[in-house]
PDB file of N, CA and C in Angstrom:
ATOM      1  N   MET A   1      15.591-130.298 -28.778  1.00  0.00           N
ATOM      2  CA  MET A   1      15.074-131.236 -27.667  1.00  0.00           C
ATOM      3  C   MET A   1      16.780-132.099 -27.542  1.00  0.00           C
ATOM      4  N   LEU A   2      16.965-132.719 -28.961  1.00  0.00           N
ATOM      5  CA  LEU A   2      18.088-133.840 -29.180  1.00  0.00           C
ATOM      6  C   LEU A   2      18.756-133.691 -30.248  1.00  0.00           C
ATOM      7  N   THR A   3      20.022-133.283 -29.979  1.00  0.00           N
ATOM      8  CA  THR A   3      21.284-133.137 -30.744  1.00  0.00           C
ATOM      9  C   THR A   3      22.298-134.518 -30.555  1.00  0.00           C
ATOM     10  N   HIS A   4      23.348-134.287 -31.368  1.00  0.00           N
ATOM     11  CA  HIS A   4      24.274-135.631 -31.853  1.00  0.00           C
ATOM     12  C   HIS A   4      25.482-134.910 -32.364  1.00  0.00           C
ATOM     13  N   ARG A   5      26.380-135.733 -31.627  1.00  0.00           N
ATOM     14  CA  ARG A   5      27.976-135.527 -32.484  1.00  0.00           C
ATOM     15  C   ARG A   5      28.503-136.860 -31.965  1.00  0.00           C
ATOM     16  N   ARG A   6      29.038-137.163 -33.181  1.00  0.00           N
ATOM     17  CA  ARG A   6      30.196-138.138 -33.147  1.00  0.00           C
ATOM     18  C   ARG A   6      31.855-138.109 -32.889  1.00  0.00           C
ATOM     19  N   SER A   7      32.243-139.040 -31.914  1.00  0.00           N
ATOM     20  CA  SER A   7      33.682-139.372 -32.115  1.00  0.00           C
ATOM     21  C   SER A   7      33.648-140.752 -32.632  1.00  0.00           C
ATOM     22  N   ALA A   8      35.151-141.165 -32.588  1.00  0.00           N
ATOM     23  CA  ALA A   8      35.556-142.426 -33.087  1.00  0.00           C
ATOM     24  C   ALA A   8      34.826-143.263 -32.635  1.00  0.00           C
ATOM     25  N   ASN A   9      34.910-143.636 -31.250  1.00  0.00           N
ATOM     26  CA  ASN A   9      33.859-144.635 -30.731  1.00  0.00           C
ATOM     27  C   ASN A   9      32.937-144.591 -29.955  1.00  0.00           C
ATOM     28  N   ALA A  10      32.081-143.117 -30.132  1.00  0.00           N
ATOM     29  CA  ALA A  10      30.700-142.794 -29.169  1.00  0.00           C
ATOM     30  C   ALA A  10      29.904-142.007 -30.205  1.00  0.00           C
ATOM     31  N   VAL A  11      28.794-141.857 -29.637  1.00  0.00           N
ATOM     32  CA  VAL A  11      27.826-141.087 -30.203  1.00  0.00           C
ATOM     33  C   VAL A  11      27.478-140.743 -28.771  1.00  0.00           C
ATOM     34  N   VAL A  12      27.561-138.947 -28.735  1.00  0.00           N
ATOM     35  CA  VAL A  12      26.910-138.135 -27.819  1.00  0.00           C
ATOM     36  C   VAL A  12      25.951-137.317 -28.111  1.00  0.00           C
ATOM     37  N   LEU A  13      24.699-137.816 -27.472  1.00  0.00           N
ATOM     38  CA  LEU A  13      23.347-137.529 -27.711  1.00  0.00           C
ATOM     39  C   LEU A  13      23.092-136.213 -26.512  1.00  0.00           C
ATOM     40  N   SER A  14      23.006-135.187 -26.679  1.00  0.00           N
ATOM     41  CA  SER A  14      22.560-134.231 -25.784  1.00  0.00           C
ATOM     42  C   SER A  14      21.405-133.789 -25.654  1.00  0.00           C
ATOM     43  N   VAL A  15      20.453-133.919 -24.242  1.00  0.00           N
ATOM     44  CA  VAL A  15      19.117-134.367 -23.996  1.00  0.00           C
ATOM     45  C   VAL A  15      18.866-132.216 -23.548  1.00  0.00           C
ATOM     46  N   SER A  16      17.748-131.461 -23.917  1.00  0.00           N
ATOM     47  CA  SER A  16      17.848-130.421 -23.327  1.00  0.00           C
ATOM     48  C   SER A  16      16.093-130.306 -23.252  1.00  0.00           C
ATOM     49  N   GLY A  17      15.949-129.505 -22.330  1.00  0.00           N
ATOM     50  CA  GLY A  17      14.642-129.113 -21.736  1.00  0.00           C
ATOM     51  C   GLY A  17      14.139-130.410 -21.385  1.00  0.00           C
ATOM     52  N   ARG A  18      12.636-130.355 -21.335  1.00  0.00           N
ATOM     53  CA  ARG A  18      11.673-131.447 -20.371  1.00  0.00           C
ATOM     54  C   ARG A  18      11.422-133.002 -21.380  1.00  0.00           C
ATOM     55  N   LEU A  19      11.729-133.372 -20.177  1.00  0.00           N
ATOM     56  CA  LEU A  19      11.371-134.951 -21.081  1.00  0.00           C
ATOM     57  C   LEU A  19      10.242-135.534 -20.323  1.00  0.00           C
ATOM     58  N   ASP A  20       9.014-135.993 -21.402  1.00  0.00           N
ATOM     59  CA  ASP A  20       7.235-135.590 -20.501  1.00  0.00           C
ATOM     60  C   ASP A  20       6.781-136.639 -21.143  1.00  0.00           C
ATOM     61  N   GLN A  21       5.853-136.477 -21.271  1.00  0.00           N
ATOM     62  CA  GLN A  21       4.447-137.258 -22.011  1.00  0.00           C
ATOM     63  C   GLN A  21       4.482-136.437 -23.335  1.00  0.00           C
ATOM     64  N   ASP A  22       4.410-135.273 -23.113  1.00  0.00           N
ATOM     65  CA  ASP A  22       4.647-134.748 -24.769  1.00  0.00           C
ATOM     66  C   ASP A  22       5.851-134.655 -25.680  1.00  0.00           C
ATOM     67  N   THR A  23       6.970-135.283 -25.009  1.00  0.00           N
ATOM     68  CA  THR A  23       8.429-135.043 -25.874  1.00  0.00           C
ATOM     69  C   THR A  23       8.811-136.351 -25.955  1.00  0.00           C
ATOM     70  N   CYS A  24       8.308-137.291 -25.404  1.00  0.00           N
ATOM     71  CA  CYS A  24       8.764-138.933 -24.912  1.00  0.00           C
ATOM     72  C   CYS A  24       9.134-139.378 -26.400  1.00  0.00           C
ATOM     73  N   GLU A  25       7.958-139.613 -26.917  1.00  0.00           N
ATOM     74  CA  GLU A  25       7.742-140.472 -28.260  1.00  0.00           C
ATOM     75  C   GLU A  25       9.113-140.036 -29.188  1.00  0.00           C
ATOM     76  N   ALA A  26       8.671-138.587 -29.260  1.00  0.00           N
ATOM     77  CA  ALA A  26      10.348-138.067 -30.352  1.00  0.00           C
ATOM     78  C   ALA A  26      11.804-138.512 -29.696  1.00  0.00           C
ATOM     79  N   PHE A  27      11.829-138.340 -28.608  1.00  0.00           N
ATOM     80  CA  PHE A  27      12.828-138.237 -27.820  1.00  0.00           C
ATOM     81  C   PHE A  27      13.532-140.026 -28.226  1.00  0.00           C
ATOM     82  N   ARG A  28      12.120-141.327 -27.463  1.00  0.00           N
ATOM     83  CA  ARG A  28      12.454-142.526 -27.916  1.00  0.00           C
ATOM     84  C   ARG A  28      13.167-142.964 -29.628  1.00  0.00           C
ATOM     85  N   ALA A  29      12.091-142.261 -30.183  1.00  0.00           N
ATOM     86  CA  ALA A  29      12.357-142.797 -31.767  1.00  0.00           C
ATOM     87  C   ALA A  29      13.727-142.673 -32.222  1.00  0.00           C
ATOM     88  N   GLU A  30      14.039-141.498 -31.581  1.00  0.00           N
ATOM     89  CA  GLU A  30      15.353-140.793 -32.379  1.00  0.00           C
ATOM     90  C   GLU A  30      16.823-141.771 -31.576  1.00  0.00           C
ATOM     91  N   LEU A  31      16.107-141.716 -30.269  1.00  0.00           N
ATOM     92  CA  LEU A  31      17.432-142.551 -29.218  1.00  0.00           C
ATOM     93  C   LEU A  31      17.570-144.148 -29.904  1.00  0.00           C
ATOM     94  N   MET A  32      16.095-145.212 -30.246  1.00  0.00           N
ATOM     95  CA  MET A  32      16.087-146.437 -30.605  1.00  0.00           C
ATOM     96  C   MET A  32      17.210-146.050 -31.745  1.00  0.00           C
ATOM     97  N   THR A  33      16.794-145.427 -33.022  1.00  0.00           N
ATOM     98  CA  THR A  33      17.790-145.264 -34.516  1.00  0.00           C
ATOM     99  C   THR A  33      18.650-145.264 -33.663  1.00  0.00           C
ATOM    100  N   HIS A  34      19.498-144.623 -32.895  1.00  0.00           N
ATOM    101  CA  HIS A  34      21.099-144.125 -32.548  1.00  0.00           C
ATOM    102  C   HIS A  34      21.342-145.393 -31.957  1.00  0.00           C
ATOM    103  N   LEU A  35      21.119-146.233 -31.107  1.00  0.00           N
ATOM    104  CA  LEU A  35      20.879-147.394 -30.766  1.00  0.00           C
ATOM    105  C   LEU A  35      21.238-148.339 -31.640  1.00  0.00           C
ATOM    106  N   ASP A  36      20.103-148.459 -32.639  1.00  0.00           N
ATOM    107  CA  ASP A  36      20.558-149.642 -33.938  1.00  0.00           C
ATOM    108  C   ASP A  36      21.783-149.579 -34.310  1.00  0.00           C
ATOM    109  N   ALA A  37      21.949-147.818 -34.757  1.00  0.00           N
ATOM    110  CA  ALA A  37      23.583-147.466 -35.672  1.00  0.00           C
ATOM    111  C   ALA A  37      24.496-147.573 -35.051  1.00  0.00           C
ATOM    112  N   THR A  38      24.145-148.099 -33.641  1.00  0.00           N
ATOM    113  CA  THR A  38      25.604-147.754 -32.956  1.00  0.00           C
ATOM    114  C   THR A  38      26.076-149.146 -32.219  1.00  0.00           C
ATOM    115  N   SER A  39      24.654-150.298 -32.911  1.00  0.00           N
ATOM    116  CA  SER A  39      25.038-151.718 -32.200  1.00  0.00           C
ATOM    117  C   SER A  39      25.658-152.141 -33.525  1.00  0.00           C
ATOM    118  N   ARG A  40      25.687-151.284 -34.521  1.00  0.00           N
ATOM    119  CA  ARG A  40      26.200-152.340 -35.871  1.00  0.00           C
ATOM    120  C   ARG A  40      28.084-151.577 -36.054  1.00  0.00           C
ATOM    121  N   ASP A  41      27.964-150.201 -35.673  1.00  0.00           N
ATOM    122  CA  ASP A  41      29.473-149.644 -35.875  1.00  0.00           C
ATOM    123  C   ASP A  41      30.134-149.598 -34.632  1.00  0.00           C
ATOM    124  N   GLY A  42      29.444-150.638 -33.695  1.00  0.00           N
ATOM    125  CA  GLY A  42      30.052-150.693 -32.217  1.00  0.00           C
ATOM    126  C   GLY A  42      30.366-149.568 -31.416  1.00  0.00           C
ATOM    127  N   ARG A  43      30.178-148.539 -31.872  1.00  0.00           N
ATOM    128  CA  ARG A  43      30.127-147.205 -30.678  1.00  0.00           C
ATOM    129  C   ARG A  43      29.377-146.986 -29.553  1.00  0.00           C
ATOM    130  N   GLY A  44      29.758-146.671 -28.734  1.00  0.00           N
ATOM    131  CA  GLY A  44      28.802-146.266 -27.491  1.00  0.00           C
ATOM    132  C   GLY A  44      28.014-145.404 -27.534  1.00  0.00           C
ATOM    133  N   ILE A  45      27.132-145.237 -26.755  1.00  0.00           N
ATOM    134  CA  ILE A  45      26.451-143.870 -26.736  1.00  0.00           C
ATOM    135  C   ILE A  45      26.166-143.471 -25.135  1.00  0.00           C
ATOM    136  N   VAL A  46      26.816-142.006 -25.370  1.00  0.00           N
ATOM    137  CA  VAL A  46      26.652-141.108 -24.323  1.00  0.00           C
ATOM    138  C   VAL A  46      25.693-139.919 -24.284  1.00  0.00           C
ATOM    139  N   LEU A  47      24.429-140.174 -23.154  1.00  0.00           N
ATOM    140  CA  LEU A  47      23.363-139.743 -22.539  1.00  0.00           C
ATOM    141  C   LEU A  47      24.155-138.140 -22.349  1.00  0.00           C
ATOM    142  N   ASP A  48      24.253-136.982 -22.905  1.00  0.00           N
ATOM    143  CA  ASP A  48      24.374-135.767 -21.948  1.00  0.00           C
ATOM    144  C   ASP A  48      23.263-135.130 -21.377  1.00  0.00           C
ATOM    145  N   LEU A  49      23.091-135.292 -20.805  1.00  0.00           N
ATOM    146  CA  LEU A  49      21.798-134.824 -19.496  1.00  0.00           C
ATOM    147  C   LEU A  49      21.949-133.237 -19.036  1.00  0.00           C
ATOM    148  N   SER A  50      23.001-132.451 -19.237  1.00  0.00           N
ATOM    149  CA  SER A  50      23.324-131.403 -19.080  1.00  0.00           C
ATOM    150  C   SER A  50      22.308-130.261 -19.435  1.00  0.00           C
ATOM    151  N   GLY A  51      21.645-130.246 -20.233  1.00  0.00           N
ATOM    152  CA  GLY A  51      20.621-129.090 -20.664  1.00  0.00           C
ATOM    153  C   GLY A  51      19.339-129.792 -20.342  1.00  0.00           C
ATOM    154  N   LEU A  52      19.104-130.927 -19.564  1.00  0.00           N
ATOM    155  CA  LEU A  52      18.312-131.598 -19.381  1.00  0.00           C
ATOM    156  C   LEU A  52      17.370-130.896 -18.082  1.00  0.00           C
ATOM    157  N   GLU A  53      16.231-130.285 -18.463  1.00  0.00           N
ATOM    158  CA  GLU A  53      15.680-129.740 -16.591  1.00  0.00           C
ATOM    159  C   GLU A  53      14.824-130.444 -15.896  1.00  0.00           C
ATOM    160  N   TYR A  54      13.967-131.450 -16.862  1.00  0.00           N
ATOM    161  CA  TYR A  54      13.335-132.004 -15.973  1.00  0.00           C
ATOM    162  C   TYR A  54      12.587-133.055 -16.789  1.00  0.00           C
ATOM    163  N   VAL A  55      12.919-134.374 -15.798  1.00  0.00           N
ATOM    164  CA  VAL A  55      12.135-135.660 -16.286  1.00  0.00           C
ATOM    165  C   VAL A  55      10.912-136.354 -15.804  1.00  0.00           C
ATOM    166  N   SER A  56      10.022-136.615 -16.419  1.00  0.00           N
ATOM    167  CA  SER A  56       8.322-137.643 -16.023  1.00  0.00           C
ATOM    168  C   SER A  56       8.287-138.720 -15.541  1.00  0.00           C
ATOM    169  N   SER A  57       7.869-138.895 -15.346  1.00  0.00           N
ATOM    170  CA  SER A  57       7.676-141.020 -15.169  1.00  0.00           C
ATOM    171  C   SER A  57       8.032-141.253 -16.896  1.00  0.00           C
ATOM    172  N   ALA A  58       6.891-140.450 -17.820  1.00  0.00           N
ATOM    173  CA  ALA A  58       7.290-140.983 -19.269  1.00  0.00           C
ATOM    174  C   ALA A  58       8.889-140.927 -19.412  1.00  0.00           C
ATOM    175  N   GLY A  59       9.723-140.279 -19.142  1.00  0.00           N
ATOM    176  CA  GLY A  59      10.587-139.798 -19.718  1.00  0.00           C
ATOM    177  C   GLY A  59      11.575-141.245 -18.896  1.00  0.00           C
ATOM    178  N   LEU A  60      11.446-141.635 -17.634  1.00  0.00           N
ATOM    179  CA  LEU A  60      12.270-142.543 -17.183  1.00  0.00           C
ATOM    180  C   LEU A  60      11.969-143.844 -18.131  1.00  0.00           C
ATOM    181  N   ARG A  61      10.445-144.159 -18.533  1.00  0.00           N
ATOM    182  CA  ARG A  61      10.331-145.061 -19.319  1.00  0.00           C
ATOM    183  C   ARG A  61      11.161-145.089 -20.360  1.00  0.00           C
ATOM    184  N   CYS A  62      11.012-143.878 -21.201  1.00  0.00           N
ATOM    185  CA  CYS A  62      12.150-144.175 -22.073  1.00  0.00           C
ATOM    186  C   CYS A  62      13.582-144.571 -22.022  1.00  0.00           C
ATOM    187  N   PHE A  63      14.082-144.369 -20.953  1.00  0.00           N
ATOM    188  CA  PHE A  63      15.256-144.545 -20.613  1.00  0.00           C
ATOM    189  C   PHE A  63      15.605-146.326 -20.254  1.00  0.00           C
ATOM    190  N   MET A  64      14.654-146.552 -19.706  1.00  0.00           N
ATOM    191  CA  MET A  64      14.198-147.764 -19.673  1.00  0.00           C
ATOM    192  C   MET A  64      14.567-148.899 -20.693  1.00  0.00           C
ATOM    193  N   LEU A  65      13.986-148.185 -21.742  1.00  0.00           N
ATOM    194  CA  LEU A  65      13.466-148.722 -22.384  1.00  0.00           C
ATOM    195  C   LEU A  65      14.740-149.032 -23.751  1.00  0.00           C
ATOM    196  N   ALA A  66      15.478-147.573 -22.969  1.00  0.00           N
ATOM    197  CA  ALA A  66      16.906-148.101 -23.986  1.00  0.00           C
ATOM    198  C   ALA A  66      17.575-148.566 -23.507  1.00  0.00           C
ATOM    199  N   SER A  67      17.626-148.753 -22.148  1.00  0.00           N
ATOM    200  CA  SER A  67      18.399-149.564 -21.324  1.00  0.00           C
ATOM    201  C   SER A  67      18.429-151.036 -21.858  1.00  0.00           C
ATOM    202  N   ARG A  68      17.322-151.258 -21.876  1.00  0.00           N
ATOM    203  CA  ARG A  68      16.927-153.111 -22.458  1.00  0.00           C
ATOM    204  C   ARG A  68      17.963-153.229 -23.527  1.00  0.00           C
ATOM    205  N   GLN A  69      17.513-151.982 -24.427  1.00  0.00           N
ATOM    206  CA  GLN A  69      17.706-152.302 -26.423  1.00  0.00           C
ATOM    207  C   GLN A  69      19.159-152.902 -25.842  1.00  0.00           C
ATOM    208  N   ALA A  70      19.901-151.647 -25.326  1.00  0.00           N
ATOM    209  CA  ALA A  70      21.451-151.659 -25.432  1.00  0.00           C
ATOM    210  C   ALA A  70      22.025-152.744 -24.496  1.00  0.00           C
ATOM    211  N   LYS A  71      21.185-153.230 -23.682  1.00  0.00           N
ATOM    212  CA  LYS A  71      21.287-154.743 -23.099  1.00  0.00           C
ATOM    213  C   LYS A  71      21.273-155.377 -24.266  1.00  0.00           C
ATOM    214  N   ALA A  72      20.146-156.024 -25.124  1.00  0.00           N
ATOM    215  CA  ALA A  72      19.533-156.787 -25.872  1.00  0.00           C
ATOM    216  C   ALA A  72      20.670-156.560 -26.909  1.00  0.00           C
ATOM    217  N   GLN A  73      21.310-155.979 -27.469  1.00  0.00           N
ATOM    218  CA  GLN A  73      21.828-155.309 -29.005  1.00  0.00           C
ATOM    219  C   GLN A  73      23.483-155.102 -28.170  1.00  0.00           C
ATOM    220  N   HIS A  74      23.785-155.551 -26.939  1.00  0.00           N
ATOM    221  CA  HIS A  74      25.769-155.160 -26.467  1.00  0.00           C
ATOM    222  C   HIS A  74      25.699-154.511 -26.718  1.00  0.00           C
ATOM    223  N   SER A  75      25.222-153.249 -26.564  1.00  0.00           N
ATOM    224  CA  SER A  75      25.702-151.767 -26.701  1.00  0.00           C
ATOM    225  C   SER A  75      25.950-151.367 -26.051  1.00  0.00           C
ATOM    226  N   ARG A  76      26.979-149.989 -25.760  1.00  0.00           N
ATOM    227  CA  ARG A  76      27.090-149.267 -24.953  1.00  0.00           C
ATOM    228  C   ARG A  76      26.558-148.501 -24.285  1.00  0.00           C
ATOM    229  N   ILE A  77      25.933-147.872 -23.072  1.00  0.00           N
ATOM    230  CA  ILE A  77      25.171-146.699 -22.978  1.00  0.00           C
ATOM    231  C   ILE A  77      25.405-145.791 -21.945  1.00  0.00           C
ATOM    232  N   ALA A  78      25.846-144.698 -21.493  1.00  0.00           N
ATOM    233  CA  ALA A  78      25.849-144.273 -20.403  1.00  0.00           C
ATOM    234  C   ALA A  78      25.309-142.824 -19.952  1.00  0.00           C
ATOM    235  N   VAL A  79      25.245-142.301 -19.045  1.00  0.00           N
ATOM    236  CA  VAL A  79      24.635-140.719 -19.235  1.00  0.00           C
ATOM    237  C   VAL A  79      25.612-140.207 -18.309  1.00  0.00           C
ATOM    238  N   ALA A  80      25.104-138.694 -18.182  1.00  0.00           N
ATOM    239  CA  ALA A  80      26.629-138.058 -18.128  1.00  0.00           C
ATOM    240  C   ALA A  80      25.784-136.191 -17.831  1.00  0.00           C
ATOM    241  N   ALA A  81      27.036-135.732 -16.789  1.00  0.00           N
ATOM    242  CA  ALA A  81      26.293-134.671 -16.536  1.00  0.00           C
ATOM    243  C   ALA A  81      24.923-133.899 -15.883  1.00  0.00           C
ATOM    244  N   LEU A  82      24.276-134.941 -15.531  1.00  0.00           N
ATOM    245  CA  LEU A  82      22.843-134.202 -14.728  1.00  0.00           C
ATOM    246  C   LEU A  82      22.867-133.820 -14.056  1.00  0.00           C
ATOM    247  N   GLN A  83      21.878-132.550 -14.159  1.00  0.00           N
ATOM    248  CA  GLN A  83      21.549-131.376 -13.391  1.00  0.00           C
ATOM    249  C   GLN A  83      21.164-131.920 -12.106  1.00  0.00           C
ATOM    250  N   PRO A  84      20.875-131.187 -10.845  1.00  0.00           N
ATOM    251  CA  PRO A  84      21.072-132.021  -9.745  1.00  0.00           C
ATOM    252  C   PRO A  84      19.452-132.628  -9.701  1.00  0.00           C
ATOM    253  N   MET A  85      18.770-131.668  -9.990  1.00  0.00           N
ATOM    254  CA  MET A  85      17.048-131.448  -9.710  1.00  0.00           C
ATOM    255  C   MET A  85      17.050-133.616 -10.609  1.00  0.00           C
ATOM    256  N   VAL A  86      17.358-133.784 -12.432  1.00  0.00           N
ATOM    257  CA  VAL A  86      17.576-134.990 -12.568  1.00  0.00           C
ATOM    258  C   VAL A  86      18.445-135.997 -11.951  1.00  0.00           C
ATOM    259  N   ALA A  87      19.816-135.440 -11.454  1.00  0.00           N
ATOM    260  CA  ALA A  87      20.389-136.548 -10.209  1.00  0.00           C
ATOM    261  C   ALA A  87      19.544-137.143  -9.441  1.00  0.00           C
ATOM    262  N   GLU A  88      18.233-136.216  -8.963  1.00  0.00           N
ATOM    263  CA  GLU A  88      17.869-137.015  -7.483  1.00  0.00           C
ATOM    264  C   GLU A  88      17.242-137.279  -8.170  1.00  0.00           C
ATOM    265  N   ILE A  89      16.234-137.493  -9.086  1.00  0.00           N
ATOM    266  CA  ILE A  89      15.204-138.159  -9.626  1.00  0.00           C
ATOM    267  C   ILE A  89      15.934-139.820  -9.906  1.00  0.00           C
ATOM    268  N   PHE A  90      16.386-139.774 -10.841  1.00  0.00           N
ATOM    269  CA  PHE A  90      17.813-140.926 -11.357  1.00  0.00           C
ATOM    270  C   PHE A  90      17.877-141.432  -9.714  1.00  0.00           C
ATOM    271  N   GLU A  91      18.163-141.054  -8.780  1.00  0.00           N
ATOM    272  CA  GLU A  91      18.937-141.696  -7.755  1.00  0.00           C
ATOM    273  C   GLU A  91      17.333-142.168  -6.837  1.00  0.00           C
ATOM    274  N   ILE A  92      16.048-141.289  -6.968  1.00  0.00           N
ATOM    275  CA  ILE A  92      15.037-141.544  -6.260  1.00  0.00           C
ATOM    276  C   ILE A  92      14.276-142.994  -6.691  1.00  0.00           C
ATOM    277  N   SER A  93      14.398-143.189  -8.035  1.00  0.00           N
ATOM    278  CA  SER A  93      13.916-144.553  -9.301  1.00  0.00           C
ATOM    279  C   SER A  93      15.211-145.295  -9.489  1.00  0.00           C
ATOM    280  N   HIS A  94      16.161-144.810  -8.904  1.00  0.00           N
ATOM    281  CA  HIS A  94      17.385-146.241  -9.087  1.00  0.00           C
ATOM    282  C   HIS A  94      18.054-146.258 -10.214  1.00  0.00           C
ATOM    283  N   PHE A  95      17.478-145.332 -10.854  1.00  0.00           N
ATOM    284  CA  PHE A  95      17.990-145.135 -12.448  1.00  0.00           C
ATOM    285  C   PHE A  95      19.402-145.263 -12.419  1.00  0.00           C
ATOM    286  N   ASN A  96      20.467-144.712 -10.965  1.00  0.00           N
ATOM    287  CA  ASN A  96      21.692-144.483 -11.555  1.00  0.00           C
ATOM    288  C   ASN A  96      22.030-145.879 -10.864  1.00  0.00           C
ATOM    289  N   LEU A  97      21.081-146.900 -10.468  1.00  0.00           N
ATOM    290  CA  LEU A  97      21.891-148.475 -10.744  1.00  0.00           C
ATOM    291  C   LEU A  97      21.577-149.076 -11.813  1.00  0.00           C
ATOM    292  N   VAL A  98      20.844-148.738 -12.735  1.00  0.00           N
ATOM    293  CA  VAL A  98      20.752-149.118 -14.273  1.00  0.00           C
ATOM    294  C   VAL A  98      22.006-148.788 -14.912  1.00  0.00           C
ATOM    295  N   PHE A  99      21.806-147.444 -14.858  1.00  0.00           N
ATOM    296  CA  PHE A  99      22.733-146.940 -16.061  1.00  0.00           C
ATOM    297  C   PHE A  99      24.018-146.140 -15.150  1.00  0.00           C
ATOM    298  N   GLN A 100      25.671-146.289 -15.899  1.00  0.00           N
ATOM    299  CA  GLN A 100      26.814-145.857 -15.494  1.00  0.00           C
ATOM    300  C   GLN A 100      26.457-144.439 -16.074  1.00  0.00           C
ATOM    301  N   VAL A 101      26.967-143.416 -14.973  1.00  0.00           N
ATOM    302  CA  VAL A 101      26.452-141.957 -14.828  1.00  0.00           C
ATOM    303  C   VAL A 101      28.203-141.388 -14.647  1.00  0.00           C
ATOM    304  N   TYR A 102      27.880-140.371 -14.919  1.00  0.00           N
ATOM    305  CA  TYR A 102      29.297-139.904 -15.351  1.00  0.00           C
ATOM    306  C   TYR A 102      29.233-138.463 -14.783  1.00  0.00           C
ATOM    307  N   GLY A 103      30.146-138.116 -14.288  1.00  0.00           N
ATOM    308  CA  GLY A 103      30.384-136.507 -13.564  1.00  0.00           C
ATOM    309  C   GLY A 103      30.348-135.475 -15.294  1.00  0.00           C
ATOM    310  N   THR A 104      30.929-135.837 -16.059  1.00  0.00           N
ATOM    311  CA  THR A 104      31.554-135.120 -17.501  1.00  0.00           C
ATOM    312  C   THR A 104      30.902-135.811 -18.512  1.00  0.00           C
ATOM    313  N   VAL A 105      30.720-135.154 -19.303  1.00  0.00           N
ATOM    314  CA  VAL A 105      30.960-135.946 -21.223  1.00  0.00           C
ATOM    315  C   VAL A 105      31.432-136.745 -21.380  1.00  0.00           C
ATOM    316  N   ASP A 106      32.792-136.038 -21.462  1.00  0.00           N
ATOM    317  CA  ASP A 106      34.008-136.709 -21.287  1.00  0.00           C
ATOM    318  C   ASP A 106      34.352-137.878 -20.560  1.00  0.00           C
ATOM    319  N   GLU A 107      34.206-138.186 -19.624  1.00  0.00           N
ATOM    320  CA  GLU A 107      34.296-139.232 -18.510  1.00  0.00           C
ATOM    321  C   GLU A 107      33.966-140.565 -19.512  1.00  0.00           C
ATOM    322  N   ALA A 108      32.169-140.206 -19.612  1.00  0.00           N
ATOM    323  CA  ALA A 108      31.396-140.758 -19.934  1.00  0.00           C
ATOM    324  C   ALA A 108      31.532-141.494 -21.715  1.00  0.00           C
ATOM    325  N   VAL A 109      32.481-140.285 -22.256  1.00  0.00           N
ATOM    326  CA  VAL A 109      32.878-141.061 -23.477  1.00  0.00           C
ATOM    327  C   VAL A 109      33.749-141.772 -23.510  1.00  0.00           C
ATOM    328  N   ASN A 110      35.111-141.803 -22.758  1.00  0.00           N
ATOM    329  CA  ASN A 110      35.915-142.636 -22.006  1.00  0.00           C
ATOM    330  C   ASN A 110      35.925-143.881 -22.097  1.00  0.00           C
ATOM    331  N   ALA A 111      34.555-143.660 -21.105  1.00  0.00           N
ATOM    332  CA  ALA A 111      34.492-144.892 -20.426  1.00  0.00           C
ATOM    333  C   ALA A 111      33.935-145.837 -22.175  1.00  0.00           C
ATOM    334  N   VAL A 112      32.477-145.576 -22.599  1.00  0.00           N
ATOM    335  CA  VAL A 112      32.072-146.399 -23.527  1.00  0.00           C
ATOM    336  C   VAL A 112      33.310-146.305 -24.502  1.00  0.00           C
ATOM    337  N   SER A 113      34.373-145.785 -24.634  1.00  0.00           N
ATOM    338  CA  SER A 113      35.143-146.180 -25.860  1.00  0.00           C
ATOM    339  C   SER A 113      36.025-147.288 -25.481  1.00  0.00           C
ATOM    340  N   ALA A 114      36.622-147.039 -23.702  1.00  0.00           N
ATOM    341  CA  ALA A 114      37.333-148.311 -23.505  1.00  0.00           C
ATOM    342  C   ALA A 114      37.117-149.735 -23.163  1.00  0.00           C
ATOM    343  N   ASP A 115      35.861-149.441 -22.852  1.00  0.00           N
ATOM    344  CA  ASP A 115      34.603-150.586 -22.348  1.00  0.00           C
ATOM    345  C   ASP A 115      34.246-151.263 -23.179  1.00  0.00           C
ATOM    346  N   LYS A 116      34.274-152.439 -23.743  1.00  0.00           N
ATOM    347  CA  LYS A 116      34.380-153.095 -24.841  1.00  0.00           C
ATOM    348  C   LYS A 116      33.469-153.962 -24.166  1.00  0.00           C
ATOM    349  N   SER A 117      32.431-153.914 -22.612  1.00  0.00           N
ATOM    350  CA  SER A 117      31.274-155.098 -22.380  1.00  0.00           C
ATOM    351  C   SER A 117      30.079-153.550 -22.376  1.00  0.00           C
ATOM    352  N   PRO A 118      28.974-154.229 -22.305  1.00  0.00           N
ATOM    353  CA  PRO A 118      27.404-153.309 -21.763  1.00  0.00           C
ATOM    354  C   PRO A 118      27.932-152.659 -20.738  1.00  0.00           C
ATOM    355  N   THR A 119      27.296-151.365 -20.298  1.00  0.00           N
ATOM    356  CA  THR A 119      27.279-150.825 -19.660  1.00  0.00           C
ATOM    357  C   THR A 119      25.988-150.520 -18.754  1.00  0.00           C
ATOM    358  N   TYR A 120      24.817-151.820 -19.032  1.00  0.00           N
ATOM    359  CA  TYR A 120      23.707-151.723 -18.419  1.00  0.00           C
ATOM    360  C   TYR A 120      24.575-152.887 -16.966  1.00  0.00           C
ATOM    361  N   LYS A 121      23.867-152.212 -16.012  1.00  0.00           N
ATOM    362  CA  LYS A 121      24.387-152.591 -14.934  1.00  0.00           C
ATOM    363  C   LYS A 121      22.798-153.517 -14.128  1.00  0.00           C
ATOM    364  N   GLY A 122      22.171-153.147 -14.908  1.00  0.00           N
ATOM    365  CA  GLY A 122      20.731-153.840 -14.185  1.00  0.00           C
ATOM    366  C   GLY A 122      20.391-155.559 -13.802  1.00  0.00           C
ATOM    367  N   ARG A 123      19.280-156.051 -13.443  1.00  0.00           N
ATOM    368  CA  ARG A 123      19.180-157.172 -13.330  1.00  0.00           C
ATOM    369  C   ARG A 123      18.901-158.040 -14.627  1.00  0.00           C
ATOM    370  N   GLU A 124      19.625-159.266 -14.843  1.00  0.00           N
ATOM    371  CA  GLU A 124      19.222-160.066 -15.930  1.00  0.00           C
ATOM    372  C   GLU A 124      17.771-160.663 -15.706  1.00  0.00           C
ATOM    373  N   ASN A 125      17.536-160.664 -14.903  1.00  0.00           N
ATOM    374  CA  ASN A 125      15.677-160.929 -15.858  1.00  0.00           C
ATOM    375  C   ASN A 125      15.069-159.766 -15.379  1.00  0.00           C
ATOM    376  N   SER A 126      14.433-159.695 -16.335  1.00  0.00           N
ATOM    377  CA  SER A 126      13.415-158.826 -16.851  1.00  0.00           C
ATOM    378  C   SER A 126      12.146-158.811 -16.890  1.00  0.00           C
TER     379      SER A 126
END
């Protein structure tokens, strides 16, 4: 479901399969662990969604929690390589306004590596 690799300035988390009520808690726990670690070492996080086939409302909740934690910790987080169905879900639910969305993982890694400000774009009043 979730694999990771590190570069000098970013951690790439590759998500595969389905993100729904059955898989959300394990995904959330691991993602939050990586967010905590990157807030300490200054790296950004890129969520590579090229292998994500489906995301439910439970999965969207996990993304929202990650976005809020990243904002609170002044961490940089971005998503990349969304499959068409997942991209449509992100657009309908306006998550494309919450996260910086990139066409490729390399673009996202370059962005979170170069940008030292949080990539969270949501409203300040939560």
